[in-house]
Amino acid sequence: MPSSPAPAVPTPSFSAGLRHALAALFAMVVLVAGIALVTTTDATPRADAATSSSAAAAGKGILRGTIRQSNGQIYNRPVKVTLFTQDWTYIGATTVTTGYKFTVTEGLYRIQVTDTRPTYDTNRFAPTDVSTGVEAGNTRVRDAVMRRGASITGTVTTGRVTGSNARVVASNQYGQSYETRANSAGQFAIGGLPTANYSLFTYDARGQWADTSMWLPNRKIGSNTNVAVVLRRAAGALTVDLYGGNSPLAGSATLTATNRTTGQWYTAKASGGSVTFAGIMPGPYTLSVPDMGNYLGRSGPVASGRHVPTGDILYTSFQLTQRGGSVTGFAVDDRVSNRRLPSVQVKLYDKYGTLKGSTWTSPSGLFTINGALRSDSGYVLILQKPDGGYVKWGPGGNDTCSYSMRRAGTFSIRQGTVVNVGGIGMTAVAPENNPNCVPAAPTTPPTTTPPTSTPTTPPASSSPSASPSTAPTTPAPTSSPSASPSSSPTATVTVTVTATP
């Protein structure tokens, strides 16, 4: 890999006859989110997975199988098993030996099994794909049979010396990439390749030499191809300053630069508002920038048609112009609309269940989620106190309430605009479960006049001749039988108001 502040990383590209169609295919694969079918880094294992939360009530079944070799024997070595939906949407992955098991909702699925041996092992098995359906309340068994893949071996020469530690990438028309590093003598090997056409890209570790890719069509499982790679051209470099509107673009993201003459692709990570592609082929380039910050990504030519020079560096800039949408609102107690809730976590999901942003409400209960939010319907907000903590009220925080999770109804967002969803009510835990939680307001106004009925029995008297006519005209309040009779109804009103929350 070239040594530079932001070293370039090779990505797939293809020779003249195929590069345009395959570039479109690769872009489609990236957008499907999850078809990075072969990588050298395992995803977080998740053996039990469901297709979506909306299908939770559809019932579940079990998908299991045994990993076998081509002779039918069980393959007792670690493999990575990745689960996809039928349209290649990624669900989860796990590393197992012998067999696999997934508990899933009813539907159609794809299983991909990948050998975990190093890429340079020429005995490595090629990835194996299995498609199947699963019914609720049933177990579907599908074994996966693995076979030794194709391999590519060779040596790398840069200029007039061996290509020590050169990076070598084999990429096929399906968007699959396999890579390795050459040893100190410039020798390399890549194994475990499925049958396909391959472009072989080689990158000088010092970033001084470059060349076009080598085209290796129709490589078949079990075959080996030995090649000699010679990097003859002095490499160039491209540094791009990134802008969102009229301001430098903060944040980090992986960008792609494509040589418009050779079709060769390079990737590098942007940081600090710029990106550098070092050790690349001279020529004209197109830059592809993903969504960054609050701006939507785009692709376009760089440097107004200028070319990356041989053995030199080209400085230029690139601007994202379209802002995404944003959503704002506030969390409230659903019993008291003017009681706003601080320190509530707010998450925004799109209609596919993808998390698009997260924040916390301010001390005044307000929240705003910005980002590269595209125009669409079906957005959902989830509000919760994930730690189960309390929101405090009153002087010194004496009154406290905990709140259950709230899912706010679907709404639409439009690029470049702010959607105000207003107050979103959250339900407090019942006072009997949380004695310090302020109770709900009464549904009827308090009584403002005292009772007018006289006691049913006369008050006790020390004189047997006492007449009932001597009973007091104002009875004792029913809320306190032992209290002395009041001289006016005012005291009774005061007692009733005190009981009002």
Protein backbone atom coordinates (compact mmCIF):
# COMPACT_ATOMS: atom_id res chain seq x y z
CA MET A 1 0.00 0.00 0.00
CA PRO A 2 1.40 3.45 -0.87
CA SER A 3 2.62 5.46 2.04
CA SER A 4 0.66 8.71 2.24
CA PRO A 5 -1.54 10.62 4.70
CA ALA A 6 -4.59 8.85 3.24
CA PRO A 7 -3.27 5.79 1.40
CA ALA A 8 -5.17 4.56 -1.61
CA VAL A 9 -6.86 1.18 -1.41
CA PRO A 10 -7.47 -0.77 -4.63
CA THR A 11 -10.99 -1.56 -5.71
CA PRO A 12 -12.28 -3.64 -8.62
CA SER A 13 -12.08 -2.41 -12.22
CA PHE A 14 -12.25 -4.10 -15.58
CA SER A 15 -10.79 -4.04 -19.07
CA ALA A 16 -12.30 -2.06 -21.93
CA GLY A 17 -14.99 -4.39 -23.23
CA LEU A 18 -16.65 -4.97 -19.85
CA ARG A 19 -15.85 -2.08 -17.58
CA HIS A 20 -18.95 0.06 -18.26
CA ALA A 21 -21.47 -2.75 -17.80
CA LEU A 22 -19.62 -4.11 -14.79
CA ALA A 23 -19.31 -0.71 -13.20
CA ALA A 24 -23.08 -0.41 -13.38
CA LEU A 25 -23.43 -3.90 -11.92
CA PHE A 26 -21.05 -3.07 -9.09
CA ALA A 27 -22.97 0.12 -8.29
CA MET A 28 -26.19 -1.87 -8.13
CA VAL A 29 -24.54 -4.42 -5.83
CA VAL A 30 -23.38 -1.69 -3.46
CA LEU A 31 -26.85 -0.15 -3.29
CA VAL A 32 -28.45 -3.45 -2.35
CA ALA A 33 -26.59 -3.14 1.01
CA GLY A 34 -25.30 -6.47 1.94
CA ILE A 35 -23.96 -8.05 -1.16
CA ALA A 36 -20.34 -7.61 -0.19
CA LEU A 37 -20.33 -11.35 -0.64
CA VAL A 38 -16.69 -12.07 0.03
CA THR A 39 -14.59 -10.10 2.46
CA THR A 40 -11.67 -10.82 4.75
CA THR A 41 -13.45 -9.45 7.84
CA ASP A 42 -16.23 -11.37 9.58
CA ALA A 43 -19.48 -9.60 10.36
CA THR A 44 -20.83 -9.68 13.88
CA PRO A 45 -22.22 -13.21 14.39
CA ARG A 46 -25.96 -13.49 14.77
CA ALA A 47 -27.18 -17.06 14.59
CA ASP A 48 -30.87 -16.31 15.17
CA ALA A 49 -32.29 -13.71 12.80
CA ALA A 50 -35.62 -12.51 11.49
CA THR A 51 -36.30 -10.84 8.18
CA SER A 52 -38.02 -7.78 9.67
CA SER A 53 -39.90 -6.56 12.72
CA SER A 54 -43.11 -6.32 10.70
CA ALA A 55 -42.95 -10.07 10.06
CA ALA A 56 -42.56 -10.94 13.73
CA ALA A 57 -46.10 -12.25 13.92
CA ALA A 58 -45.74 -14.45 10.82
CA GLY A 59 -44.34 -17.45 12.71
CA LYS A 60 -40.86 -18.93 12.58
CA GLY A 61 -39.07 -22.01 11.33
CA ILE A 62 -35.54 -23.40 11.49
CA LEU A 63 -32.99 -23.51 8.68
CA ARG A 64 -30.08 -25.88 9.27
CA GLY A 65 -27.54 -27.92 7.31
CA THR A 66 -24.18 -29.69 7.27
CA ILE A 67 -21.00 -28.36 5.62
CA ARG A 68 -19.58 -31.06 3.31
CA GLN A 69 -16.69 -31.56 0.90
CA SER A 70 -17.20 -32.62 -2.71
CA ASN A 71 -16.70 -36.31 -1.73
CA GLY A 72 -19.62 -36.05 0.67
CA GLN A 73 -17.53 -36.09 3.84
CA ILE A 74 -18.21 -33.55 6.59
CA TYR A 75 -15.87 -30.54 6.51
CA ASN A 76 -14.68 -30.19 10.09
CA ARG A 77 -13.00 -26.79 9.80
CA PRO A 78 -14.27 -23.30 10.62
CA VAL A 79 -16.37 -21.64 7.94
CA LYS A 80 -18.28 -18.37 7.84
CA VAL A 81 -22.01 -18.81 7.15
CA THR A 82 -23.85 -15.68 6.01
CA LEU A 83 -27.63 -15.38 5.81
CA PHE A 84 -29.39 -13.19 3.20
CA THR A 85 -32.94 -12.70 2.05
CA GLN A 86 -33.80 -13.89 -1.46
CA ASP A 87 -32.93 -10.43 -2.88
CA TRP A 88 -29.48 -10.50 -1.16
CA THR A 89 -30.34 -8.22 1.75
CA TYR A 90 -27.88 -9.05 4.53
CA ILE A 91 -29.38 -10.49 7.74
CA GLY A 92 -26.52 -11.93 9.79
CA ALA A 93 -23.45 -14.16 9.89
CA THR A 94 -21.74 -16.64 12.18
CA THR A 95 -18.62 -18.82 12.18
CA VAL A 96 -19.25 -22.56 12.69
CA THR A 97 -17.75 -26.00 12.14
CA THR A 98 -19.64 -29.02 10.83
CA GLY A 99 -23.10 -27.43 10.55
CA TYR A 100 -25.22 -24.28 10.86
CA LYS A 101 -28.61 -23.27 12.25
CA PHE A 102 -30.76 -20.14 11.80
CA THR A 103 -34.16 -19.45 13.35
CA VAL A 104 -36.04 -17.24 10.90
CA THR A 105 -39.48 -16.01 9.94
CA GLU A 106 -41.24 -17.77 7.09
CA GLY A 107 -39.80 -16.80 3.68
CA LEU A 108 -37.12 -17.36 1.03
CA TYR A 109 -33.43 -17.19 1.95
CA ARG A 110 -29.90 -17.51 0.63
CA ILE A 111 -27.02 -19.08 2.58
CA GLN A 112 -23.39 -18.39 1.63
CA VAL A 113 -20.57 -20.49 3.10
CA THR A 114 -17.01 -19.12 2.94
CA ASP A 115 -13.76 -20.90 3.82
CA THR A 116 -11.93 -19.06 6.62
CA ARG A 117 -8.44 -20.21 5.58
CA PRO A 118 -6.09 -17.37 4.47
CA THR A 119 -6.57 -15.98 0.98
CA TYR A 120 -3.02 -17.00 -0.02
CA ASP A 121 -3.82 -20.70 0.61
CA THR A 122 -4.20 -22.21 -2.88
CA ASN A 123 -6.13 -25.17 -1.38
CA ARG A 124 -8.81 -22.81 -0.08
CA PHE A 125 -12.42 -23.69 -0.99
CA ALA A 126 -14.50 -21.39 -3.15
CA PRO A 127 -17.64 -19.78 -1.63
CA THR A 128 -20.78 -21.90 -1.86
CA ASP A 129 -24.33 -20.48 -2.21
CA VAL A 130 -27.55 -22.27 -1.22
CA SER A 131 -31.13 -21.01 -1.81
CA THR A 132 -34.13 -22.34 0.09
CA GLY A 133 -37.49 -21.52 1.60
CA VAL A 134 -38.53 -21.88 5.24
CA GLU A 135 -42.08 -22.52 6.52
CA ALA A 136 -43.33 -21.49 9.94
CA GLY A 137 -43.36 -24.37 12.39
CA ASN A 138 -41.04 -26.53 10.25
CA THR A 139 -37.32 -27.28 9.89
CA ARG A 140 -35.71 -27.04 6.45
CA VAL A 141 -32.40 -28.91 5.95
CA ARG A 142 -30.02 -27.76 3.20
CA ASP A 143 -26.43 -29.01 3.16
CA ALA A 144 -23.66 -26.91 1.59
CA VAL A 145 -21.01 -28.66 -0.54
CA MET A 146 -17.63 -26.92 -0.82
CA ARG A 147 -15.04 -27.38 -3.59
CA ARG A 148 -11.45 -26.25 -4.06
CA GLY A 149 -11.44 -22.87 -5.80
CA ALA A 150 -9.37 -21.49 -8.64
CA SER A 151 -6.07 -19.81 -7.79
CA ILE A 152 -3.82 -17.12 -9.22
CA THR A 153 -0.09 -17.03 -8.45
CA GLY A 154 2.83 -14.97 -9.71
CA THR A 155 5.49 -12.36 -9.07
CA VAL A 156 5.43 -8.56 -9.02
CA THR A 157 8.12 -6.24 -10.37
CA THR A 158 8.00 -2.49 -9.80
CA GLY A 159 10.26 -0.48 -12.04
CA ARG A 160 13.41 -2.61 -12.00
CA VAL A 161 13.08 -4.15 -8.54
CA THR A 162 10.89 -6.81 -6.94
CA GLY A 163 7.49 -5.63 -5.75
CA SER A 164 8.01 -6.36 -2.07
CA ASN A 165 4.75 -6.15 -0.08
CA ALA A 166 2.78 -5.11 -3.18
CA ARG A 167 -0.97 -5.36 -2.83
CA VAL A 168 -2.68 -7.69 -5.32
CA VAL A 169 -6.46 -7.79 -5.85
CA ALA A 170 -8.45 -10.23 -7.99
CA SER A 171 -11.94 -8.96 -8.80
CA ASN A 172 -14.67 -10.64 -10.84
CA GLN A 173 -17.80 -9.50 -12.67
CA TYR A 174 -20.02 -10.35 -9.71
CA GLY A 175 -18.49 -7.69 -7.47
CA GLN A 176 -16.43 -10.21 -5.46
CA SER A 177 -12.88 -9.17 -4.53
CA TYR A 178 -10.02 -11.22 -3.12
CA GLU A 179 -6.70 -9.71 -2.10
CA THR A 180 -3.29 -10.59 -0.74
CA ARG A 181 0.19 -9.14 -0.22
CA ALA A 182 3.36 -10.16 -2.06
CA ASN A 183 6.27 -11.40 0.05
CA SER A 184 9.73 -9.81 0.15
CA ALA A 185 10.58 -11.50 -3.17
CA GLY A 186 7.46 -10.12 -4.87
CA GLN A 187 5.72 -13.53 -4.91
CA PHE A 188 1.96 -13.81 -4.27
CA ALA A 189 -0.89 -16.33 -4.31
CA ILE A 190 -4.69 -15.94 -4.19
CA GLY A 191 -6.81 -19.05 -3.65
CA GLY A 192 -10.46 -19.96 -3.13
CA LEU A 193 -11.74 -18.21 -6.27
CA PRO A 194 -15.12 -19.21 -7.77
CA THR A 195 -15.42 -19.72 -11.52
CA ALA A 196 -15.52 -16.27 -13.16
CA ASN A 197 -13.66 -13.68 -15.25
CA TYR A 198 -11.06 -11.75 -13.26
CA SER A 199 -9.20 -8.47 -13.43
CA LEU A 200 -5.93 -8.54 -11.49
CA PHE A 201 -4.87 -5.23 -9.95
CA THR A 202 -1.47 -4.66 -8.44
CA TYR A 203 -0.41 -1.69 -6.30
CA ASP A 204 3.12 -0.75 -5.36
CA ALA A 205 3.54 -0.61 -1.58
CA ARG A 206 5.60 2.59 -1.92
CA GLY A 207 3.11 4.31 -4.23
CA GLN A 208 5.75 5.02 -6.88
CA TRP A 209 4.71 2.68 -9.70
CA ALA A 210 1.42 1.74 -11.36
CA ASP A 211 -0.03 0.02 -14.42
CA THR A 212 -3.30 -1.14 -15.94
CA SER A 213 -5.02 -4.29 -14.73
CA MET A 214 -4.38 -7.76 -16.13
CA TRP A 215 -7.41 -9.49 -17.69
CA LEU A 216 -7.81 -13.21 -16.79
CA PRO A 217 -11.07 -14.55 -18.30
CA ASN A 218 -12.87 -17.79 -17.45
CA ARG A 219 -10.90 -18.96 -14.44
CA LYS A 220 -12.47 -22.28 -13.38
CA ILE A 221 -12.73 -24.00 -9.99
CA GLY A 222 -9.69 -26.21 -9.32
CA SER A 223 -7.45 -24.48 -11.92
CA ASN A 224 -4.32 -22.36 -11.34
CA THR A 225 -2.98 -19.43 -13.35
CA ASN A 226 0.60 -18.14 -12.94
CA VAL A 227 1.39 -14.60 -14.13
CA ALA A 228 4.20 -12.05 -14.13
CA VAL A 229 3.05 -8.56 -13.13
CA VAL A 230 5.23 -5.62 -14.16
CA LEU A 231 4.41 -2.06 -13.02
CA ARG A 232 5.98 0.22 -15.66
CA ARG A 233 4.39 3.65 -15.18
CA ALA A 234 5.46 6.26 -12.64
CA ALA A 235 2.42 6.68 -10.41
CA GLY A 236 0.60 9.94 -9.74
CA ALA A 237 -1.50 11.21 -6.86
CA LEU A 238 -4.78 13.05 -6.45
CA THR A 239 -5.74 15.23 -3.45
CA VAL A 240 -9.31 16.56 -3.29
CA ASP A 241 -10.69 19.16 -0.85
CA LEU A 242 -14.34 18.40 -0.09
CA TYR A 243 -17.11 20.97 0.40
CA GLY A 244 -20.69 20.75 1.59
CA GLY A 245 -22.28 23.82 0.08
CA ASN A 246 -19.76 26.63 0.62
CA SER A 247 -18.07 25.16 3.70
CA PRO A 248 -15.44 22.43 4.12
CA LEU A 249 -17.08 19.05 4.60
CA ALA A 250 -16.36 17.47 8.00
CA GLY A 251 -16.61 13.78 8.84
CA SER A 252 -15.09 10.66 7.36
CA ALA A 253 -16.17 8.38 4.51
CA THR A 254 -14.68 6.07 1.89
CA LEU A 255 -14.51 7.67 -1.57
CA THR A 256 -13.87 6.07 -4.96
CA ALA A 257 -11.80 7.50 -7.83
CA THR A 258 -12.22 5.85 -11.25
CA ASN A 259 -9.74 6.31 -14.10
CA ARG A 260 -11.97 7.17 -17.05
CA THR A 261 -9.43 5.81 -19.54
CA THR A 262 -8.56 2.44 -18.01
CA GLY A 263 -11.66 1.85 -15.83
CA GLN A 264 -9.41 1.15 -12.85
CA TRP A 265 -10.91 2.03 -9.44
CA TYR A 266 -9.21 3.20 -6.26
CA THR A 267 -10.66 3.95 -2.84
CA ALA A 268 -9.39 6.09 0.01
CA LYS A 269 -10.78 7.42 3.27
CA ALA A 270 -11.61 11.11 3.59
CA SER A 271 -10.88 12.91 6.84
CA GLY A 272 -10.37 16.51 7.88
CA GLY A 273 -12.23 17.75 4.80
CA SER A 274 -9.99 16.17 2.16
CA VAL A 275 -8.97 12.86 0.60
CA THR A 276 -5.74 11.69 -1.07
CA PHE A 277 -5.38 8.89 -3.64
CA ALA A 278 -1.68 8.01 -3.86
CA GLY A 279 0.09 5.60 -6.22
CA ILE A 280 -2.59 5.74 -8.94
CA MET A 281 -2.43 5.50 -12.72
CA PRO A 282 -2.02 8.89 -14.46
CA GLY A 283 -5.06 10.10 -16.40
CA PRO A 284 -8.55 11.65 -16.02
CA TYR A 285 -10.69 10.65 -13.04
CA THR A 286 -14.29 10.57 -11.84
CA LEU A 287 -14.90 10.92 -8.11
CA SER A 288 -17.77 9.18 -6.29
CA VAL A 289 -18.61 10.68 -2.88
CA PRO A 290 -21.17 8.98 -0.58
CA ASP A 291 -23.55 10.86 1.71
CA MET A 292 -21.53 12.96 4.15
CA GLY A 293 -22.76 15.08 7.04
CA ASN A 294 -26.04 16.74 6.04
CA TYR A 295 -25.33 16.46 2.29
CA LEU A 296 -26.34 13.86 -0.29
CA GLY A 297 -23.55 12.14 -2.20
CA ARG A 298 -22.90 12.35 -5.92
CA SER A 299 -20.40 11.41 -8.66
CA GLY A 300 -18.69 13.65 -11.18
CA PRO A 301 -15.42 14.45 -12.99
CA VAL A 302 -12.64 16.04 -10.95
CA ALA A 303 -10.40 19.00 -11.70
CA SER A 304 -12.45 20.34 -14.64
CA GLY A 305 -11.03 17.77 -17.01
CA ARG A 306 -7.43 17.98 -15.84
CA HIS A 307 -5.47 14.73 -15.59
CA VAL A 308 -3.49 13.20 -12.74
CA PRO A 309 0.12 13.73 -13.88
CA THR A 310 2.82 11.07 -14.15
CA GLY A 311 5.04 11.14 -11.08
CA ASP A 312 3.29 14.23 -9.66
CA ILE A 313 0.22 15.25 -7.67
CA LEU A 314 -2.98 17.00 -8.75
CA TYR A 315 -4.83 19.23 -6.25
CA THR A 316 -8.49 19.97 -6.79
CA SER A 317 -11.85 20.31 -5.01
CA PHE A 318 -15.28 18.66 -5.12
CA GLN A 319 -18.61 20.04 -3.85
CA LEU A 320 -21.77 18.36 -2.56
CA THR A 321 -24.68 20.72 -3.20
CA GLN A 322 -27.88 18.95 -2.12
CA ARG A 323 -28.75 19.06 1.57
CA GLY A 324 -30.72 16.23 3.13
CA GLY A 325 -33.86 16.67 5.17
CA SER A 326 -34.17 16.91 8.95
CA VAL A 327 -36.77 16.28 11.63
CA THR A 328 -37.42 18.15 14.88
CA GLY A 329 -39.90 17.97 17.76
CA PHE A 330 -40.07 17.51 21.52
CA ALA A 331 -40.91 14.78 24.03
CA VAL A 332 -43.76 15.43 26.48
CA ASP A 333 -45.68 13.68 29.25
CA ASP A 334 -48.87 12.52 27.52
CA ARG A 335 -50.94 13.56 30.61
CA VAL A 336 -49.58 17.11 30.84
CA SER A 337 -48.75 18.52 27.41
CA ASN A 338 -46.61 21.36 28.72
CA ARG A 339 -44.39 18.99 30.70
CA ARG A 340 -41.42 18.38 28.37
CA LEU A 341 -39.07 15.47 28.97
CA PRO A 342 -35.28 15.89 28.98
CA SER A 343 -32.64 13.17 28.42
CA VAL A 344 -34.85 10.95 26.25
CA GLN A 345 -33.15 9.01 23.46
CA VAL A 346 -34.70 9.58 20.02
CA LYS A 347 -33.98 7.29 17.05
CA LEU A 348 -35.10 7.77 13.44
CA TYR A 349 -35.77 4.76 11.17
CA ASP A 350 -36.75 4.67 7.51
CA LYS A 351 -39.53 2.44 6.16
CA TYR A 352 -37.03 -0.41 5.67
CA GLY A 353 -36.11 -0.42 9.35
CA THR A 354 -32.68 1.15 8.80
CA LEU A 355 -31.45 3.47 11.55
CA LYS A 356 -30.95 6.91 9.96
CA GLY A 357 -30.06 9.02 12.99
CA SER A 358 -30.06 9.24 16.78
CA THR A 359 -29.98 12.01 19.39
CA TRP A 360 -31.14 12.96 22.93
CA THR A 361 -33.67 15.54 23.98
CA SER A 362 -32.32 18.76 25.48
CA PRO A 363 -33.16 20.03 29.00
CA SER A 364 -36.25 21.64 27.43
CA GLY A 365 -37.28 18.36 25.75
CA LEU A 366 -36.35 19.43 22.19
CA PHE A 367 -34.62 17.19 19.63
CA THR A 368 -33.37 17.60 16.05
CA ILE A 369 -32.00 14.87 13.77
CA ASN A 370 -30.07 16.07 10.73
CA GLY A 371 -28.26 14.09 8.07
CA ALA A 372 -28.41 12.99 4.47
CA LEU A 373 -32.11 12.18 4.75
CA ARG A 374 -33.65 11.57 1.34
CA SER A 375 -37.19 12.37 0.28
CA ASP A 376 -39.37 9.43 1.26
CA SER A 377 -42.39 8.36 3.32
CA GLY A 378 -42.66 5.87 6.13
CA TYR A 379 -40.15 7.36 8.58
CA VAL A 380 -40.64 6.36 12.24
CA LEU A 381 -39.38 7.82 15.54
CA ILE A 382 -38.66 5.69 18.62
CA LEU A 383 -38.43 7.51 21.99
CA GLN A 384 -37.20 5.75 25.11
CA LYS A 385 -35.21 5.92 28.31
CA PRO A 386 -32.91 2.97 27.57
CA ASP A 387 -31.40 2.90 31.06
CA GLY A 388 -34.83 2.71 32.71
CA GLY A 389 -34.05 5.93 34.56
CA TYR A 390 -36.40 8.59 35.87
CA VAL A 391 -37.24 12.09 34.74
CA LYS A 392 -37.27 14.40 37.77
CA TRP A 393 -39.77 17.18 38.47
CA GLY A 394 -40.51 19.72 41.18
CA PRO A 395 -38.19 21.68 43.46
CA GLY A 396 -35.09 19.61 44.07
CA GLY A 397 -36.39 16.89 41.76
CA ASN A 398 -38.68 15.43 44.38
CA ASP A 399 -41.30 14.19 41.93
CA THR A 400 -40.03 11.53 39.50
CA CYS A 401 -41.56 9.42 36.72
CA SER A 402 -40.27 6.64 34.47
CA TYR A 403 -41.69 6.33 30.95
CA SER A 404 -42.39 3.47 28.58
CA MET A 405 -41.02 3.38 25.02
CA ARG A 406 -43.02 5.33 22.43
CA ARG A 407 -43.21 4.65 18.69
CA ALA A 408 -44.36 7.72 16.77
CA GLY A 409 -46.50 7.17 13.66
CA THR A 410 -45.07 7.24 10.13
CA PHE A 411 -44.39 10.55 8.37
CA SER A 412 -42.60 11.88 5.28
CA ILE A 413 -39.33 13.79 4.91
CA ARG A 414 -38.31 15.95 1.95
CA GLN A 415 -34.73 16.78 1.00
CA GLY A 416 -33.59 20.24 2.03
CA THR A 417 -36.53 20.86 4.40
CA VAL A 418 -37.20 20.53 8.14
CA VAL A 419 -40.16 18.43 9.32
CA ASN A 420 -41.60 19.49 12.70
CA VAL A 421 -43.46 16.59 14.30
CA GLY A 422 -44.46 18.65 17.37
CA GLY A 423 -44.87 17.09 20.80
CA ILE A 424 -44.66 13.32 21.09
CA GLY A 425 -46.36 12.03 24.24
CA MET A 426 -44.75 9.39 26.43
CA THR A 427 -46.67 7.37 29.02
CA ALA A 428 -45.56 7.48 32.65
CA VAL A 429 -45.42 4.37 34.82
CA ALA A 430 -48.60 4.02 36.94
CA PRO A 431 -48.31 5.84 40.29
CA GLU A 432 -49.04 2.65 42.26
CA ASN A 433 -45.86 1.16 40.76
CA ASN A 434 -43.91 4.37 41.16
CA PRO A 435 -45.19 6.21 44.28
CA ASN A 436 -43.19 9.37 43.56
CA CYS A 437 -44.63 9.81 40.06
CA VAL A 438 -47.03 12.74 39.90
CA PRO A 439 -50.56 11.29 39.44
CA ALA A 440 -52.83 12.18 36.58
CA ALA A 441 -55.00 15.31 36.77
CA PRO A 442 -58.63 14.70 37.97
CA THR A 443 -61.30 14.34 35.32
CA THR A 444 -63.97 16.32 37.34
CA PRO A 445 -63.61 19.69 39.13
CA PRO A 446 -63.48 19.65 42.95
CA THR A 447 -66.63 20.36 45.00
CA THR A 448 -66.77 24.04 45.91
CA THR A 449 -69.72 23.92 48.48
CA PRO A 450 -69.92 21.99 51.74
CA PRO A 451 -72.50 19.24 52.37
CA THR A 452 -75.88 20.63 53.54
CA SER A 453 -77.45 17.54 55.18
CA THR A 454 -77.70 17.38 58.96
CA PRO A 455 -76.42 14.47 61.01
CA THR A 456 -78.79 11.51 61.19
CA THR A 457 -78.31 11.33 64.97
CA PRO A 458 -78.18 14.24 67.37
CA PRO A 459 -74.92 15.08 69.08
CA ALA A 460 -74.37 13.63 72.54
CA SER A 461 -75.62 15.77 75.46
CA SER A 462 -74.92 15.72 79.23
CA SER A 463 -78.56 16.62 79.93
CA PRO A 464 -81.25 14.01 79.39
CA SER A 465 -83.79 16.77 78.71
CA ALA A 466 -81.75 18.27 75.87
CA SER A 467 -83.82 18.81 72.75
CA PRO A 468 -82.73 17.81 69.19
CA SER A 469 -83.32 21.46 68.24
CA THR A 470 -80.07 22.28 69.97
CA ALA A 471 -78.04 20.36 67.28
CA PRO A 472 -75.42 22.47 65.44
CA THR A 473 -76.62 24.02 62.18
CA THR A 474 -73.26 23.33 60.43
CA PRO A 475 -72.25 19.67 60.37
CA ALA A 476 -68.70 18.43 60.85
CA PRO A 477 -66.85 17.80 57.51
CA THR A 478 -67.19 14.21 56.32
CA SER A 479 -63.47 14.08 55.49
CA SER A 480 -62.52 14.44 59.15
CA PRO A 481 -65.20 13.17 61.60
CA SER A 482 -63.15 13.97 64.69
CA ALA A 483 -62.61 17.60 63.77
CA SER A 484 -64.55 20.39 65.44
CA PRO A 485 -67.51 21.80 63.46
CA SER A 486 -66.51 24.63 61.15
CA SER A 487 -68.08 28.03 61.46
CA SER A 488 -68.18 28.58 57.70
CA PRO A 489 -67.90 26.49 54.46
CA THR A 490 -64.57 28.15 53.50
CA ALA A 491 -62.52 25.62 55.46
CA THR A 492 -64.19 22.76 53.65
CA VAL A 493 -63.25 24.21 50.23
CA THR A 494 -59.66 24.62 51.32
CA VAL A 495 -59.41 20.94 52.25
CA THR A 496 -60.79 19.84 48.89
CA VAL A 497 -58.39 22.03 46.87
CA THR A 498 -55.41 20.75 48.82
CA ALA A 499 -56.19 17.24 47.62
CA THR A 500 -56.04 18.33 43.99
CA PRO A 501 -52.73 17.42 42.24
